C-alpha atoms as a PDB file:
ATOM      1  CA  UNK A   1       2.997   1.663  -6.502  1.00  0.00           C
ATOM      2  CA  UNK A   2       1.426   2.735  -9.660  1.00  0.00           C
ATOM      3  CA  UNK A   3      -1.808   5.264  -9.664  1.00  0.00           C
ATOM      4  CA  UNK A   4      -3.674   2.409 -11.901  1.00  0.00           C
ATOM      5  CA  UNK A   5      -2.824   0.171  -9.223  1.00  0.00           C
ATOM      6  CA  UNK A   6      -3.978   1.910  -6.269  1.00  0.00           C
ATOM      7  CA  UNK A   7      -7.417   2.576  -8.251  1.00  0.00           C
ATOM      8  CA  UNK A   8      -7.619  -1.082  -8.667  1.00  0.00           C
ATOM      9  CA  UNK A   9      -7.216  -1.653  -5.105  1.00  0.00           C
ATOM     10  CA  UNK A  10      -9.837   1.114  -4.113  1.00  0.00           C
ATOM     11  CA  UNK A  11     -12.682  -0.362  -6.836  1.00  0.00           C
ATOM     12  CA  UNK A  12     -11.912  -3.812  -5.302  1.00  0.00           C
ATOM     13  CA  UNK A  13     -12.611  -2.558  -1.752  1.00  0.00           C
ATOM     14  CA  UNK A  14     -15.902  -0.834  -3.130  1.00  0.00           C
ATOM     15  CA  UNK A  15     -16.858  -3.946  -5.083  1.00  0.00           C
ATOM     16  CA  UNK A  16     -16.086  -6.409  -2.005  1.00  0.00           C
ATOM     17  CA  UNK A  17     -19.205  -7.934  -0.333  1.00  0.00           C
ATOM     18  CA  UNK A  18     -17.386  -8.978   2.720  1.00  0.00           C
ATOM     19  CA  UNK A  19     -16.731  -5.279   4.552  1.00  0.00           C
ATOM     20  CA  UNK A  20     -19.244  -3.071   5.455  1.00  0.00           C
ATOM     21  CA  UNK A  21     -19.956   0.149   3.735  1.00  0.00           C
ATOM     22  CA  UNK A  22     -17.908   2.063   6.768  1.00  0.00           C
ATOM     23  CA  UNK A  23     -15.308  -0.439   6.433  1.00  0.00           C
ATOM     24  CA  UNK A  24     -15.307   0.870   2.907  1.00  0.00           C
ATOM     25  CA  UNK A  25     -14.841   4.285   3.101  1.00  0.00           C
ATOM     26  CA  UNK A  26     -12.486   4.160   5.968  1.00  0.00           C
ATOM     27  CA  UNK A  27     -10.053   1.643   4.091  1.00  0.00           C
ATOM     28  CA  UNK A  28     -10.369   3.916   1.086  1.00  0.00           C
ATOM     29  CA  UNK A  29      -9.633   6.935   3.223  1.00  0.00           C
ATOM     30  CA  UNK A  30      -6.377   5.271   4.630  1.00  0.00           C
ATOM     31  CA  UNK A  31      -4.971   4.197   1.334  1.00  0.00           C
ATOM     32  CA  UNK A  32      -5.410   7.805   0.415  1.00  0.00           C
ATOM     33  CA  UNK A  33      -3.836   9.189   3.208  1.00  0.00           C
ATOM     34  CA  UNK A  34      -0.820   6.693   2.945  1.00  0.00           C
ATOM     35  CA  UNK A  35      -0.771   7.337  -0.601  1.00  0.00           C
ATOM     36  CA  UNK A  36      -0.197  10.635   0.004  1.00  0.00           C
ATOM     37  CA  UNK A  37       2.135  10.398   2.762  1.00  0.00           C
ATOM     38  CA  UNK A  38       4.182   8.161  -0.010  1.00  0.00           C
ATOM     39  CA  UNK A  39       3.984   4.876   1.946  1.00  0.00           C
ATOM     40  CA  UNK A  40       5.363   1.963  -0.094  1.00  0.00           C
ATOM     41  CA  UNK A  41       2.966  -1.050  -0.846  1.00  0.00           C
ATOM     42  CA  UNK A  42       4.040  -3.418   1.897  1.00  0.00           C
ATOM     43  CA  UNK A  43       3.186  -0.750   4.285  1.00  0.00           C
ATOM     44  CA  UNK A  44      -0.321  -0.298   2.554  1.00  0.00           C
ATOM     45  CA  UNK A  45      -0.915  -4.232   2.515  1.00  0.00           C
ATOM     46  CA  UNK A  46       0.387  -4.409   5.964  1.00  0.00           C
ATOM     47  CA  UNK A  47      -1.928  -1.788   7.497  1.00  0.00           C
ATOM     48  CA  UNK A  48      -4.946  -2.848   5.795  1.00  0.00           C
ATOM     49  CA  UNK A  49      -4.499  -6.668   6.771  1.00  0.00           C
ATOM     50  CA  UNK A  50      -4.272  -5.035  10.157  1.00  0.00           C
ATOM     51  CA  UNK A  51      -8.048  -3.575   9.917  1.00  0.00           C
ATOM     52  CA  UNK A  52      -9.661  -6.680   8.459  1.00  0.00           C
ATOM     53  CA  UNK A  53      -8.101 -10.238   7.324  1.00  0.00           C
ATOM     54  CA  UNK A  54     -10.343  -9.587   4.100  1.00  0.00           C
ATOM     55  CA  UNK A  55      -7.711  -7.516   2.314  1.00  0.00           C
ATOM     56  CA  UNK A  56      -5.525 -10.405   2.360  1.00  0.00           C
ATOM     57  CA  UNK A  57      -8.291 -12.075   0.026  1.00  0.00           C
ATOM     58  CA  UNK A  58      -8.773  -9.078  -1.932  1.00  0.00           C
ATOM     59  CA  UNK A  59      -4.599  -8.448  -2.677  1.00  0.00           C
ATOM     60  CA  UNK A  60      -4.388 -12.604  -3.765  1.00  0.00           C
ATOM     61  CA  UNK A  61      -7.835 -11.846  -6.050  1.00  0.00           C
ATOM     62  CA  UNK A  62      -5.364  -9.026  -7.596  1.00  0.00           C
ATOM     63  CA  UNK A  63      -2.611 -11.179  -7.982  1.00  0.00           C
ATOM     64  CA  UNK A  64      -0.583  -8.592  -5.744  1.00  0.00           C
ATOM     65  CA  UNK A  65       0.667 -11.226  -3.075  1.00  0.00           C
END
């Protein structure tokens, strides 16, 4: 996944009013770990949706699913 898209996802997480500050922080931390481990977008999407289904909505708003 291009770095720009990752940054866009992280920004959308920070701007979400449906996630707590802790959920936002943990989610961004997970993304950074997965990217560092060179995980594919599908894995990131699936893992975030497992954490909170709000991510389905965020990804849809970004046109990623």
